[in-house]
Amino acid sequence: MDTKSFKDLEAAVWVTGLCSGCGACVAVCPADALRFAPGEIDAPENIGYCKVENDSVPCGACYAVCPRVDIASQGAMLGPHRDIVAARSVLPVARRQSGGAVTAILANALDEGLIDAVVTVTSDPWTMRPSSAVITSSDVLVQHAGSRYSWWVPLLASLKEAVVTRKYRRVAVVGVPCAARAVQMIRESDHDLLRPYAKAIRLVIGLFCTEIFDYARLIEGKLQSESQIRPWEIRRLDIKGKLDVYLQDERHISIPLADLEESVRPGCRVCTDFTAVGADISAGAVGSPDGYTTLIIRNDIGRGFVDQAVWQGKLALDGKVDITAIERLAVKKAERSAE
């Protein structure tokens, strides 16, 4: 068994500024010894115990799931896929981000018993402060539709709640590329401590991502302090080469990404994966007409969940996808990380 410890992860990723903040290491630590300290976003911390360091017990689970240990193997461009389609939810989804396709797929999967829990990100509708959550009802899922994944939260930390504490065995994970990569590593690993997670994860939906932002620096700093935009005035945020802020009073403000550098999580700067190539389905607004979501269906698992939602009348496939637009942003992200 791998004898890596958190110190190896600390040396390779945490202190070098590579940490993506996905929370996978926090989730799989069997001793619950890793955490993100309040107000600390750069990397997790160890609370003073490690099975390897303290008791010489083989572990290395944290090191085995980190998506930044081997940066050279991370995805780029469109990645392997079976199909690329434009989709929209047939369900009424009031707060949908684009076409509501991800919500429709997951709501159908919950209703049909294909999954029993969704590990995802939600946000406080008043402050927009994000948090990871385990959702088990399609009604609750629809209520939280449109919650953005453009700011940092250790999403995968909630895997432990879903799999170990609440013992769900058919889990879907929705997250940005680093989270999708971490889950891919869990699924492909032969590490004994990771097998319960691998067996429980049934579906991974990855979200197109250029970078993620720190909540305090973006919402409380850039938008509220500098632009006098209060969180409850924001209807929707969108990122397509720039940050688009849609307000409740129908105003629309665009901010160049170059103006948001101080708000970007440091570990994002080494990422080359725009389309979440480690997922079963990748989704984003880029490339599809207004009101639609681009879905990159990567394997039979992804195809099955999409087809089920279509057959149940909850998802419609229509419209043409501009693949060049997706590739353009994927190239820009890869080039930026190489600078």
Protein backbone atom coordinates (compact mmCIF):
# COMPACT_ATOMS: atom_id res chain seq x y z
CA MET A 1 0.00 0.00 0.00
CA ASP A 2 1.15 3.54 -0.69
CA THR A 3 2.98 5.02 2.30
CA LYS A 4 2.65 8.68 1.32
CA SER A 5 1.55 11.03 4.06
CA PHE A 6 0.01 14.47 4.24
CA LYS A 7 3.56 15.83 4.46
CA ASP A 8 4.24 14.60 0.92
CA LEU A 9 1.07 16.32 -0.26
CA GLU A 10 1.98 19.44 1.67
CA ALA A 11 5.43 19.60 0.06
CA ALA A 12 4.25 18.81 -3.47
CA VAL A 13 1.03 20.84 -3.60
CA TRP A 14 0.10 22.93 -0.58
CA VAL A 15 3.24 25.01 -0.08
CA THR A 16 3.88 25.34 -3.81
CA GLY A 17 0.58 27.14 -4.45
CA LEU A 18 -0.84 24.36 -6.63
CA CYS A 19 -3.80 23.37 -4.43
CA SER A 20 -7.10 23.51 -6.30
CA GLY A 21 -9.14 23.56 -3.09
CA CYS A 22 -11.38 20.74 -4.29
CA GLY A 23 -11.61 19.17 -0.82
CA ALA A 24 -10.95 15.60 -1.95
CA CYS A 25 -8.14 15.09 0.58
CA VAL A 26 -10.40 16.35 3.37
CA ALA A 27 -13.10 13.87 2.36
CA VAL A 28 -10.98 10.72 2.19
CA CYS A 29 -8.74 11.23 5.24
CA PRO A 30 -9.74 8.29 7.48
CA ALA A 31 -8.69 10.19 10.61
CA ASP A 32 -10.64 13.38 9.81
CA ALA A 33 -7.33 15.16 10.29
CA LEU A 34 -7.43 17.52 7.32
CA ARG A 35 -9.54 20.67 7.09
CA PHE A 36 -9.71 24.13 5.62
CA ALA A 37 -9.34 26.56 8.49
CA PRO A 38 -11.95 29.34 8.64
CA GLY A 39 -10.90 32.16 6.33
CA GLU A 40 -8.07 30.12 4.80
CA ILE A 41 -8.44 29.28 1.13
CA ASP A 42 -4.91 28.58 -0.09
CA ALA A 43 -4.62 24.99 1.16
CA PRO A 44 -5.90 22.63 3.87
CA GLU A 45 -4.15 22.09 7.18
CA ASN A 46 -3.45 19.04 9.29
CA ILE A 47 -4.83 19.19 12.83
CA GLY A 48 -1.86 17.35 14.32
CA TYR A 49 -2.39 13.69 13.52
CA CYS A 50 -1.59 11.40 10.59
CA LYS A 51 -1.79 7.60 10.50
CA VAL A 52 1.49 7.41 8.63
CA GLU A 53 3.44 10.02 10.57
CA ASN A 54 2.15 9.23 14.08
CA ASP A 55 1.44 5.50 14.01
CA SER A 56 3.38 4.22 10.96
CA VAL A 57 0.14 2.87 9.52
CA PRO A 58 0.10 2.85 5.69
CA CYS A 59 -2.39 5.30 4.23
CA GLY A 60 -1.69 7.91 1.56
CA ALA A 61 -5.35 8.40 0.67
CA CYS A 62 -5.00 12.18 0.59
CA TYR A 63 -2.07 12.03 -1.81
CA ALA A 64 -3.79 9.47 -4.04
CA VAL A 65 -6.81 11.70 -4.77
CA CYS A 66 -5.11 15.05 -5.30
CA PRO A 67 -5.67 16.36 -8.84
CA ARG A 68 -2.53 18.51 -8.65
CA VAL A 69 0.09 15.90 -7.71
CA ASP A 70 0.63 15.08 -11.37
CA ILE A 71 -0.17 18.25 -13.27
CA ALA A 72 1.17 16.85 -16.55
CA SER A 73 -1.66 14.31 -16.66
CA GLN A 74 -4.50 16.81 -16.28
CA GLY A 75 -6.92 17.25 -19.14
CA ALA A 76 -6.98 19.83 -21.87
CA MET A 77 -9.18 20.93 -24.77
CA LEU A 78 -12.40 18.96 -25.36
CA GLY A 79 -11.12 15.61 -24.11
CA PRO A 80 -12.59 12.23 -25.09
CA HIS A 81 -16.30 12.31 -25.88
CA ARG A 82 -19.12 10.52 -27.68
CA ASP A 83 -21.29 13.50 -28.56
CA ILE A 84 -21.70 17.25 -28.06
CA VAL A 85 -25.26 18.54 -27.93
CA ALA A 86 -27.26 21.62 -26.99
CA ALA A 87 -29.90 20.86 -24.37
CA ARG A 88 -32.54 22.60 -22.31
CA SER A 89 -34.68 21.64 -19.38
CA VAL A 90 -38.34 20.91 -20.09
CA LEU A 91 -38.94 21.20 -16.35
CA PRO A 92 -39.71 24.69 -15.08
CA VAL A 93 -36.42 25.81 -13.52
CA ALA A 94 -36.82 29.41 -12.41
CA ARG A 95 -33.20 30.07 -11.50
CA ARG A 96 -31.49 28.07 -14.20
CA GLN A 97 -28.08 29.24 -15.27
CA SER A 98 -28.41 28.71 -19.03
CA GLY A 99 -30.59 25.90 -20.31
CA GLY A 100 -31.11 24.19 -16.97
CA ALA A 101 -29.95 20.90 -18.50
CA VAL A 102 -27.83 19.82 -15.53
CA THR A 103 -30.75 20.36 -13.16
CA ALA A 104 -33.07 18.39 -15.46
CA ILE A 105 -30.67 15.44 -15.70
CA LEU A 106 -30.15 15.28 -11.95
CA ALA A 107 -33.80 15.88 -11.03
CA ASN A 108 -34.83 13.06 -13.33
CA ALA A 109 -32.14 10.79 -11.89
CA LEU A 110 -33.38 11.45 -8.35
CA ASP A 111 -37.03 10.94 -9.31
CA GLU A 112 -36.28 7.70 -11.14
CA GLY A 113 -34.05 6.29 -8.38
CA LEU A 114 -30.95 6.30 -10.57
CA ILE A 115 -29.17 8.26 -7.84
CA ASP A 116 -30.04 8.91 -4.21
CA ALA A 117 -27.89 11.98 -3.53
CA VAL A 118 -26.17 14.88 -5.28
CA VAL A 119 -22.98 16.44 -3.94
CA THR A 120 -23.01 19.99 -5.20
CA VAL A 121 -22.60 23.67 -4.35
CA THR A 122 -25.42 25.83 -3.07
CA SER A 123 -25.43 29.47 -2.02
CA ASP A 124 -27.26 31.68 0.43
CA PRO A 125 -29.75 33.65 -1.70
CA TRP A 126 -29.18 36.79 0.40
CA THR A 127 -25.39 36.86 0.70
CA MET A 128 -24.48 34.52 -2.19
CA ARG A 129 -21.98 32.85 0.16
CA PRO A 130 -21.35 29.34 -1.22
CA SER A 131 -21.22 26.03 0.60
CA SER A 132 -21.05 22.38 -0.37
CA ALA A 133 -24.19 20.34 0.19
CA VAL A 134 -25.74 16.90 -0.15
CA ILE A 135 -29.14 17.13 -1.86
CA THR A 136 -31.53 14.18 -1.98
CA SER A 137 -34.76 15.72 -3.33
CA SER A 138 -35.47 16.91 -6.87
CA ASP A 139 -37.60 19.74 -5.48
CA VAL A 140 -34.69 21.03 -3.39
CA LEU A 141 -32.36 20.59 -6.35
CA VAL A 142 -34.57 22.71 -8.60
CA GLN A 143 -34.81 25.34 -5.86
CA HIS A 144 -31.01 25.65 -5.82
CA ALA A 145 -30.61 25.64 -9.60
CA GLY A 146 -28.47 28.45 -10.88
CA SER A 147 -26.16 28.46 -7.86
CA ARG A 148 -22.82 29.34 -9.35
CA TYR A 149 -19.64 27.32 -9.30
CA SER A 150 -17.48 30.34 -10.11
CA TRP A 151 -16.29 30.78 -6.52
CA TRP A 152 -14.27 28.54 -4.29
CA VAL A 153 -15.68 26.02 -1.85
CA PRO A 154 -14.14 22.62 -0.96
CA LEU A 155 -16.95 20.77 -2.71
CA LEU A 156 -15.69 17.23 -2.30
CA ALA A 157 -15.44 17.55 1.47
CA SER A 158 -19.16 16.70 1.42
CA LEU A 159 -18.41 13.30 -0.11
CA LYS A 160 -17.64 11.99 3.35
CA GLU A 161 -21.05 13.14 4.60
CA ALA A 162 -22.78 11.50 1.63
CA VAL A 163 -20.88 8.20 1.54
CA VAL A 164 -19.61 7.57 5.08
CA THR A 165 -22.02 9.40 7.37
CA ARG A 166 -25.29 9.10 5.45
CA LYS A 167 -24.28 5.93 3.56
CA TYR A 168 -25.68 6.82 0.16
CA ARG A 169 -24.64 4.34 -2.49
CA ARG A 170 -25.73 6.06 -5.71
CA VAL A 171 -24.13 9.49 -5.61
CA ALA A 172 -23.81 12.14 -8.32
CA VAL A 173 -21.11 14.80 -8.07
CA VAL A 174 -21.34 18.18 -9.83
CA GLY A 175 -18.22 20.30 -9.88
CA VAL A 176 -15.53 22.19 -11.72
CA PRO A 177 -12.68 20.40 -13.57
CA CYS A 178 -10.37 19.91 -10.57
CA ALA A 179 -13.17 18.23 -8.64
CA ALA A 180 -14.03 16.05 -11.65
CA ARG A 181 -10.36 15.08 -11.95
CA ALA A 182 -10.16 14.16 -8.26
CA VAL A 183 -13.26 11.97 -8.55
CA GLN A 184 -11.81 10.34 -11.66
CA MET A 185 -8.71 9.45 -9.61
CA ILE A 186 -10.90 8.00 -6.87
CA ARG A 187 -12.77 5.86 -9.37
CA GLU A 188 -9.62 4.58 -11.04
CA SER A 189 -7.62 3.94 -7.85
CA ASP A 190 -7.02 0.50 -6.33
CA HIS A 191 -6.44 2.08 -2.91
CA ASP A 192 -8.43 0.20 -0.27
CA LEU A 193 -9.51 3.36 1.53
CA LEU A 194 -10.93 4.86 -1.66
CA ARG A 195 -13.03 1.89 -2.76
CA PRO A 196 -16.16 2.83 -0.75
CA TYR A 197 -16.17 6.22 -2.48
CA ALA A 198 -15.50 4.74 -5.92
CA LYS A 199 -18.35 2.26 -5.55
CA ALA A 200 -20.78 4.95 -4.39
CA ILE A 201 -20.11 7.52 -7.12
CA ARG A 202 -22.44 6.80 -10.01
CA LEU A 203 -22.30 10.00 -12.05
CA VAL A 204 -19.93 12.96 -12.40
CA ILE A 205 -21.03 16.15 -14.14
CA GLY A 206 -18.20 18.57 -14.80
CA LEU A 207 -18.71 22.28 -15.37
CA PHE A 208 -16.83 24.44 -17.86
CA CYS A 209 -14.43 26.61 -15.88
CA THR A 210 -11.86 29.27 -16.64
CA GLU A 211 -11.09 29.91 -12.96
CA ILE A 212 -12.78 30.10 -9.59
CA PHE A 213 -12.90 33.07 -7.25
CA ASP A 214 -12.65 33.71 -3.56
CA TYR A 215 -16.07 34.80 -2.26
CA ALA A 216 -14.76 37.57 -0.01
CA ARG A 217 -12.51 39.07 -2.67
CA LEU A 218 -15.09 38.89 -5.46
CA ILE A 219 -18.47 39.51 -3.81
CA GLU A 220 -17.52 41.55 -0.76
CA GLY A 221 -14.52 43.22 -2.40
CA LYS A 222 -14.73 43.73 -6.15
CA LEU A 223 -18.51 43.88 -6.50
CA GLN A 224 -19.74 45.32 -3.21
CA SER A 225 -16.91 47.66 -2.19
CA GLU A 226 -15.67 48.78 -5.59
CA SER A 227 -18.83 48.62 -7.73
CA GLN A 228 -21.44 49.17 -4.97
CA ILE A 229 -23.29 46.00 -6.00
CA ARG A 230 -24.80 44.28 -2.99
CA PRO A 231 -25.12 40.47 -3.05
CA TRP A 232 -28.92 40.44 -2.88
CA GLU A 233 -29.08 42.64 -5.99
CA ILE A 234 -27.38 39.95 -8.09
CA ARG A 235 -29.64 37.70 -10.12
CA ARG A 236 -26.98 35.69 -11.90
CA LEU A 237 -23.25 35.53 -12.60
CA ASP A 238 -21.85 34.10 -15.81
CA ILE A 239 -18.34 33.65 -17.15
CA LYS A 240 -17.67 33.45 -20.88
CA GLY A 241 -14.27 35.03 -21.27
CA LYS A 242 -15.42 37.83 -18.91
CA LEU A 243 -17.55 38.07 -15.78
CA ASP A 244 -21.12 39.05 -16.57
CA VAL A 245 -23.16 40.27 -13.61
CA TYR A 246 -26.94 40.25 -14.16
CA LEU A 247 -28.87 42.27 -11.58
CA GLN A 248 -32.43 41.96 -10.31
CA ASP A 249 -33.37 45.31 -11.87
CA GLU A 250 -32.33 43.99 -15.32
CA ARG A 251 -29.02 45.86 -15.37
CA HIS A 252 -26.05 44.00 -16.80
CA ILE A 253 -22.42 44.71 -15.95
CA SER A 254 -19.38 43.08 -17.57
CA ILE A 255 -15.96 42.91 -15.91
CA PRO A 256 -12.85 41.76 -17.84
CA LEU A 257 -11.21 38.74 -16.24
CA ALA A 258 -7.93 40.68 -16.21
CA ASP A 259 -9.51 42.99 -13.62
CA LEU A 260 -10.30 40.06 -11.34
CA GLU A 261 -6.82 38.58 -10.97
CA GLU A 262 -6.64 39.32 -7.25
CA SER A 263 -9.89 37.42 -6.72
CA VAL A 264 -8.76 34.25 -8.52
CA ARG A 265 -7.72 31.25 -6.49
CA PRO A 266 -3.91 30.90 -6.89
CA GLY A 267 -4.07 27.19 -7.77
CA CYS A 268 -6.25 27.91 -10.80
CA ARG A 269 -3.32 29.40 -12.68
CA VAL A 270 -1.77 25.97 -13.37
CA CYS A 271 -4.97 24.35 -14.62
CA THR A 272 -5.31 23.56 -18.33
CA ASP A 273 -8.70 21.87 -18.15
CA PHE A 274 -11.59 24.07 -19.30
CA THR A 275 -14.15 21.37 -20.10
CA ALA A 276 -13.73 18.94 -17.15
CA VAL A 277 -12.45 16.04 -19.21
CA GLY A 278 -12.60 13.63 -16.25
CA ALA A 279 -16.40 13.80 -16.01
CA ASP A 280 -19.10 11.56 -17.48
CA ILE A 281 -20.91 14.65 -18.78
CA SER A 282 -19.46 18.14 -19.07
CA ALA A 283 -21.73 21.16 -19.19
CA GLY A 284 -21.56 24.88 -19.81
CA ALA A 285 -23.20 27.75 -21.64
CA VAL A 286 -20.36 28.29 -24.13
CA GLY A 287 -21.16 27.18 -27.67
CA SER A 288 -24.94 26.88 -27.36
CA PRO A 289 -27.72 29.34 -28.27
CA ASP A 290 -29.25 31.45 -25.51
CA GLY A 291 -31.46 29.32 -23.30
CA TYR A 292 -29.47 26.14 -23.93
CA THR A 293 -26.69 24.25 -22.18
CA THR A 294 -23.83 22.61 -24.04
CA LEU A 295 -23.44 18.99 -22.96
CA ILE A 296 -20.30 17.02 -23.76
CA ILE A 297 -21.33 13.39 -23.35
CA ARG A 298 -18.11 11.51 -22.65
CA ASN A 299 -19.04 7.87 -22.09
CA ASP A 300 -21.87 5.34 -21.80
CA ILE A 301 -22.67 6.48 -18.25
CA GLY A 302 -23.20 10.03 -19.40
CA ARG A 303 -25.21 8.91 -22.42
CA GLY A 304 -27.47 6.82 -20.22
CA PHE A 305 -28.34 9.66 -17.85
CA VAL A 306 -28.99 12.08 -20.73
CA ASP A 307 -31.17 9.56 -22.57
CA GLN A 308 -33.16 8.79 -19.42
CA ALA A 309 -33.95 12.48 -18.91
CA VAL A 310 -35.02 12.81 -22.56
CA TRP A 311 -37.20 9.68 -22.42
CA GLN A 312 -38.93 10.94 -19.27
CA GLY A 313 -39.73 14.25 -20.96
CA LYS A 314 -37.54 16.36 -18.67
CA LEU A 315 -34.77 17.25 -21.14
CA ALA A 316 -34.85 18.35 -24.77
CA LEU A 317 -31.93 18.21 -27.20
CA ASP A 318 -31.99 20.89 -29.87
CA GLY A 319 -29.89 23.60 -31.45
CA LYS A 320 -26.42 23.57 -32.93
CA VAL A 321 -23.26 23.74 -30.84
CA ASP A 322 -20.42 26.05 -31.86
CA ILE A 323 -17.53 23.77 -30.99
CA THR A 324 -15.02 26.37 -32.13
CA ALA A 325 -16.17 28.73 -29.37
CA ILE A 326 -15.50 26.04 -26.75
CA GLU A 327 -12.10 25.23 -28.23
CA ARG A 328 -11.18 28.92 -28.26
CA LEU A 329 -11.66 29.26 -24.50
CA ALA A 330 -9.98 25.91 -23.87
CA VAL A 331 -6.92 27.10 -25.78
CA LYS A 332 -6.85 30.40 -23.88
CA LYS A 333 -6.91 28.57 -20.56
CA ALA A 334 -4.14 26.18 -21.59
CA GLU A 335 -2.00 29.04 -22.87
CA ARG A 336 -2.49 31.07 -19.71
CA SER A 337 -1.37 28.20 -17.49
CA ALA A 338 1.81 27.83 -19.56
CA GLU A 339 2.84 31.46 -19.05
